């Protein structure tokens, strides 16, 4: 009976010694707080810790790993937000650029073109330096050239934009951009207004000829204008 008690006491001693050795292996010096952890102050590098790092014994983690994890999550969120903001700004810039491009309309094409009209004055064909034009179905002739061809004089007022054309007892007053024409002081409305095209002043052919007391006949087949006066 005494030998059995001695044997049991010996086995218990061995178990306690072994348990104490395991605890010594998994822990290091330092008291723990109520949470089971403490701040490392001694031989930190030996245990794979940094000086002043708070950690837990018996399988607990350290605050460093949690802090690193939170830092990584915060950095990931910040990067994602930054990329989203950049993408949004790029989209806005592209939208503004598209809107600006669409708002710039192409310049409209001229509504006038060369008519190829042939003009005769008392049977003589006039040679124009500036081509006769057609605008809104109206034949336009270069003012100074048709006036000289009919022996008329032209007086231009830069201040009022008016043009006075005279031949014998006939006088006609026109205004650039206006369809109102004065024949010897009497106002009438023309089919088109005098206008400056490529630096040349053009007037409606039939309106101009009529204002100088001449007759006019248009030949559609030959696209010619016959002007006659005494």
Protein backbone atom coordinates (compact mmCIF):
# COMPACT_ATOMS: atom_id res chain seq x y z
CA UNK A 1 0.00 0.00 0.00
CA UNK A 2 2.88 2.39 0.85
CA UNK A 3 4.61 1.58 -2.43
CA UNK A 4 1.42 2.37 -4.42
CA UNK A 5 1.13 5.77 -2.77
CA UNK A 6 4.76 6.51 -3.51
CA UNK A 7 4.29 5.48 -7.13
CA UNK A 8 1.22 7.73 -7.56
CA UNK A 9 3.03 10.66 -5.99
CA UNK A 10 5.94 10.17 -8.39
CA UNK A 11 3.70 10.11 -11.47
CA UNK A 12 1.88 13.26 -10.33
CA UNK A 13 5.19 15.04 -9.87
CA UNK A 14 6.28 14.13 -13.41
CA UNK A 15 2.97 15.45 -14.86
CA UNK A 16 3.28 18.74 -13.00
CA UNK A 17 6.89 19.19 -14.14
CA UNK A 18 5.91 18.50 -17.78
CA UNK A 19 2.97 20.92 -17.65
CA UNK A 20 5.16 23.62 -16.21
CA UNK A 21 7.71 23.13 -18.99
CA UNK A 22 5.02 23.53 -21.68
CA UNK A 23 3.77 26.72 -20.10
CA UNK A 24 7.31 28.06 -20.02
CA UNK A 25 7.74 27.28 -23.71
CA UNK A 26 4.48 29.03 -24.86
CA UNK A 27 4.85 32.11 -22.67
CA UNK A 28 7.51 34.60 -21.73
CA UNK A 29 8.14 36.68 -18.60
CA UNK A 30 5.61 39.35 -17.66
CA UNK A 31 2.37 39.54 -15.80
CA UNK A 32 -0.91 39.50 -17.70
CA UNK A 33 -3.87 41.80 -17.12
CA UNK A 34 -7.53 40.90 -16.68
CA UNK A 35 -7.82 40.31 -20.44
CA UNK A 36 -5.03 37.75 -20.40
CA UNK A 37 -2.46 39.95 -22.14
CA UNK A 38 0.25 42.50 -21.40
CA UNK A 39 2.73 44.90 -23.02
CA UNK A 40 6.08 43.33 -23.91
CA UNK A 41 9.05 44.97 -22.15
CA UNK A 42 11.63 42.14 -21.90
CA UNK A 43 13.27 39.98 -24.64
CA UNK A 44 10.60 41.07 -27.13
CA UNK A 45 12.63 40.13 -30.22
CA UNK A 46 13.23 36.65 -28.80
CA UNK A 47 9.49 36.05 -28.80
CA UNK A 48 8.94 37.65 -32.22
CA UNK A 49 7.44 40.83 -30.79
CA UNK A 50 8.25 44.51 -30.88
CA UNK A 51 9.13 46.45 -27.76
CA UNK A 52 5.98 47.94 -26.24
CA UNK A 53 3.66 45.68 -28.30
CA UNK A 54 0.52 44.58 -26.48
CA UNK A 55 -0.22 40.86 -26.90
CA UNK A 56 -2.04 37.96 -25.35
CA UNK A 57 -0.68 34.74 -23.87
CA UNK A 58 -1.97 31.23 -24.52
CA UNK A 59 -3.04 31.63 -28.17
CA UNK A 60 -4.17 35.29 -28.11
CA UNK A 61 -3.12 37.65 -30.92
CA UNK A 62 -1.42 41.01 -30.71
CA UNK A 63 -2.85 44.46 -31.26
CA UNK A 64 -0.25 44.98 -33.98
CA UNK A 65 -1.82 42.41 -36.32
CA UNK A 66 -5.28 43.88 -35.75
CA UNK A 67 -3.97 47.38 -36.34
CA UNK A 68 -2.21 46.29 -39.55
CA UNK A 69 -5.41 44.61 -40.77
CA UNK A 70 -7.47 47.75 -40.08
CA UNK A 71 -4.81 49.87 -41.81
CA UNK A 72 -4.91 47.65 -44.88
CA UNK A 73 -8.72 47.80 -45.02
CA UNK A 74 -8.64 51.60 -44.63
CA UNK A 75 -6.01 51.93 -47.36
CA UNK A 76 -8.04 49.69 -49.70
CA UNK A 77 -11.20 51.74 -49.13
CA UNK A 78 -9.29 54.99 -49.67
CA UNK A 79 -7.75 53.71 -52.92
CA UNK A 80 -11.14 52.48 -54.19
CA UNK A 81 -12.76 55.80 -53.37
CA UNK A 82 -9.94 57.69 -55.11
CA UNK A 83 -10.31 55.57 -58.25
CA UNK A 84 -14.09 56.09 -58.24
CA UNK A 85 -13.68 59.86 -57.89
CA UNK A 86 -11.11 59.98 -60.71
CA UNK A 87 -13.38 57.94 -62.97
CA UNK A 88 -16.31 60.25 -62.19
CA UNK A 89 -14.25 63.36 -63.02
CA UNK A 90 -13.05 61.78 -66.27
CA UNK A 91 -16.63 60.93 -67.27
CA UNK A 92 -17.77 64.48 -66.49
CA UNK A 93 -14.91 65.96 -68.55
CA UNK A 94 -15.74 63.66 -71.47
CA UNK A 95 -19.41 64.63 -71.24
CA UNK A 96 -18.54 68.35 -71.27
CA UNK A 97 -16.19 67.81 -74.20
CA UNK A 98 -18.91 65.96 -76.13
CA UNK A 99 -21.45 68.69 -75.36
CA UNK A 100 -19.03 71.41 -76.46
CA UNK A 101 -18.22 69.55 -79.70
CA UNK A 102 -21.89 69.00 -80.53
CA UNK A 103 -22.77 72.64 -79.81
CA UNK A 104 -20.30 73.84 -82.47
CA UNK A 105 -22.40 73.70 -85.62
CA UNK A 106 -20.87 73.76 -89.07
CA UNK A 107 -21.13 77.08 -90.92
CA UNK A 108 -24.03 77.11 -93.36
CA UNK A 109 -23.23 77.00 -97.05
CA UNK A 110 -23.80 80.20 -99.10
CA UNK A 111 -27.33 80.47 -100.49
CA UNK A 112 -26.14 82.14 -103.68
CA UNK A 113 -24.39 80.67 -106.72
CA UNK A 114 -23.18 81.67 -110.16
CA UNK A 115 -26.10 82.08 -112.55
CA UNK A 116 -24.25 82.05 -115.89
CA UNK A 117 -26.57 84.88 -116.99
CA UNK A 118 -25.63 86.64 -120.23
CA UNK A 119 -26.54 90.36 -120.33
CA UNK A 120 -27.01 92.46 -123.46
CA UNK A 121 -27.39 96.27 -123.43
CA UNK A 122 -28.88 97.61 -126.64
CA UNK A 123 -27.62 94.47 -128.42
CA UNK A 124 -24.09 94.53 -126.96
CA UNK A 125 -23.00 91.79 -124.58
CA UNK A 126 -21.49 93.00 -121.32
CA UNK A 127 -18.30 91.41 -120.03
CA UNK A 128 -18.36 91.17 -116.22
CA UNK A 129 -15.30 90.96 -114.01
CA UNK A 130 -17.54 89.65 -111.21
CA UNK A 131 -19.89 86.81 -112.17
CA UNK A 132 -23.66 87.40 -112.11
CA UNK A 133 -25.26 85.42 -109.28
CA UNK A 134 -28.64 83.95 -108.43
CA UNK A 135 -30.00 84.37 -104.90
CA UNK A 136 -33.46 83.32 -103.72
CA UNK A 137 -34.50 82.86 -107.38
CA UNK A 138 -33.43 86.42 -108.14
CA UNK A 139 -30.71 87.37 -110.64
CA UNK A 140 -28.10 89.65 -109.09
CA UNK A 141 -25.70 91.82 -111.08
CA UNK A 142 -22.55 93.63 -109.90
CA UNK A 143 -23.75 97.21 -109.31
CA UNK A 144 -20.85 99.25 -110.64
CA UNK A 145 -20.40 97.17 -113.80
CA UNK A 146 -24.07 97.20 -114.84
CA UNK A 147 -24.30 100.93 -114.04
CA UNK A 148 -21.29 101.73 -116.21
CA UNK A 149 -22.68 99.50 -118.97
CA UNK A 150 -25.86 101.58 -118.99
CA UNK A 151 -24.07 104.93 -118.78
CA UNK A 152 -25.27 105.67 -115.22
CA UNK A 153 -23.39 107.24 -112.31
CA UNK A 154 -23.20 105.75 -108.81
CA UNK A 155 -22.89 107.72 -105.54
CA UNK A 156 -22.22 105.72 -102.40
CA UNK A 157 -22.90 107.02 -98.87
CA UNK A 158 -20.81 105.11 -96.34
CA UNK A 159 -22.56 106.76 -93.36
CA UNK A 160 -26.12 105.72 -94.33
CA UNK A 161 -25.31 102.68 -96.47
CA UNK A 162 -27.39 104.13 -99.31
CA UNK A 163 -26.62 103.99 -103.04
CA UNK A 164 -27.80 106.68 -105.48
CA UNK A 165 -27.85 105.70 -109.17
CA UNK A 166 -28.66 108.36 -111.81
CA UNK A 167 -29.08 108.35 -115.59
CA UNK A 168 -30.53 111.34 -117.44
CA UNK A 169 -33.76 112.26 -115.62
CA UNK A 170 -33.94 108.93 -113.80
CA UNK A 171 -32.78 108.47 -110.22
CA UNK A 172 -32.92 105.43 -107.98
CA UNK A 173 -31.95 105.06 -104.31
CA UNK A 174 -31.15 101.69 -102.74
CA UNK A 175 -29.99 100.70 -99.23
CA UNK A 176 -27.79 97.71 -98.42
CA UNK A 177 -29.83 94.98 -96.72
CA UNK A 178 -33.16 96.69 -97.43
CA UNK A 179 -35.79 95.69 -100.02
CA UNK A 180 -37.17 99.22 -100.11
CA UNK A 181 -36.22 101.02 -103.33
CA UNK A 182 -36.97 104.66 -104.22
CA UNK A 183 -37.74 105.44 -107.89
CA UNK A 184 -37.51 109.23 -108.32
CA UNK A 185 -38.50 109.55 -104.65
CA UNK A 186 -41.33 106.99 -104.74
CA UNK A 187 -40.86 103.92 -102.48
CA UNK A 188 -41.47 100.39 -103.71
CA UNK A 189 -40.55 96.90 -102.44
CA UNK A 190 -38.00 94.86 -104.41
CA UNK A 191 -37.78 91.05 -104.61
CA UNK A 192 -34.35 91.09 -102.96
CA UNK A 193 -32.17 93.60 -101.13
CA UNK A 194 -28.78 94.85 -102.37
CA UNK A 195 -25.96 92.99 -100.64
CA UNK A 196 -22.18 92.82 -100.57
CA UNK A 197 -20.82 89.41 -101.58
CA UNK A 198 -17.08 88.76 -101.54
CA UNK A 199 -16.44 92.50 -101.45
CA UNK A 200 -18.70 93.27 -104.43
CA UNK A 201 -22.06 95.07 -104.19
CA UNK A 202 -24.84 93.21 -106.03
CA UNK A 203 -28.31 94.49 -106.98
CA UNK A 204 -31.44 92.74 -108.37
CA UNK A 205 -31.16 92.94 -112.15
CA UNK A 206 -34.74 93.80 -113.14
CA UNK A 207 -35.24 96.25 -110.24
CA UNK A 208 -32.07 98.10 -111.20
CA UNK A 209 -32.86 98.29 -114.92
CA UNK A 210 -36.43 99.45 -114.31
CA UNK A 211 -35.20 102.23 -112.02
CA UNK A 212 -33.17 103.70 -114.88
CA UNK A 213 -36.15 103.79 -117.26
CA UNK A 214 -34.95 100.89 -119.46
CA UNK A 215 -36.84 97.91 -120.84
CA UNK A 216 -35.82 94.34 -119.98
CA UNK A 217 -36.65 90.92 -121.39
CA UNK A 218 -35.46 87.63 -119.90
CA UNK A 219 -34.92 84.64 -122.24
CA UNK A 220 -35.16 81.45 -120.18
CA UNK A 221 -33.96 79.23 -123.03
CA UNK A 222 -30.68 81.09 -123.53
CA UNK A 223 -30.51 82.34 -119.92
CA UNK A 224 -29.96 85.87 -121.17
CA UNK A 225 -31.18 89.34 -120.29
CA UNK A 226 -31.96 91.92 -123.03
CA UNK A 227 -31.78 95.54 -121.78
CA UNK A 228 -32.86 98.36 -124.06
CA UNK A 229 -33.17 102.11 -123.57
CA UNK A 230 -32.98 105.32 -125.65
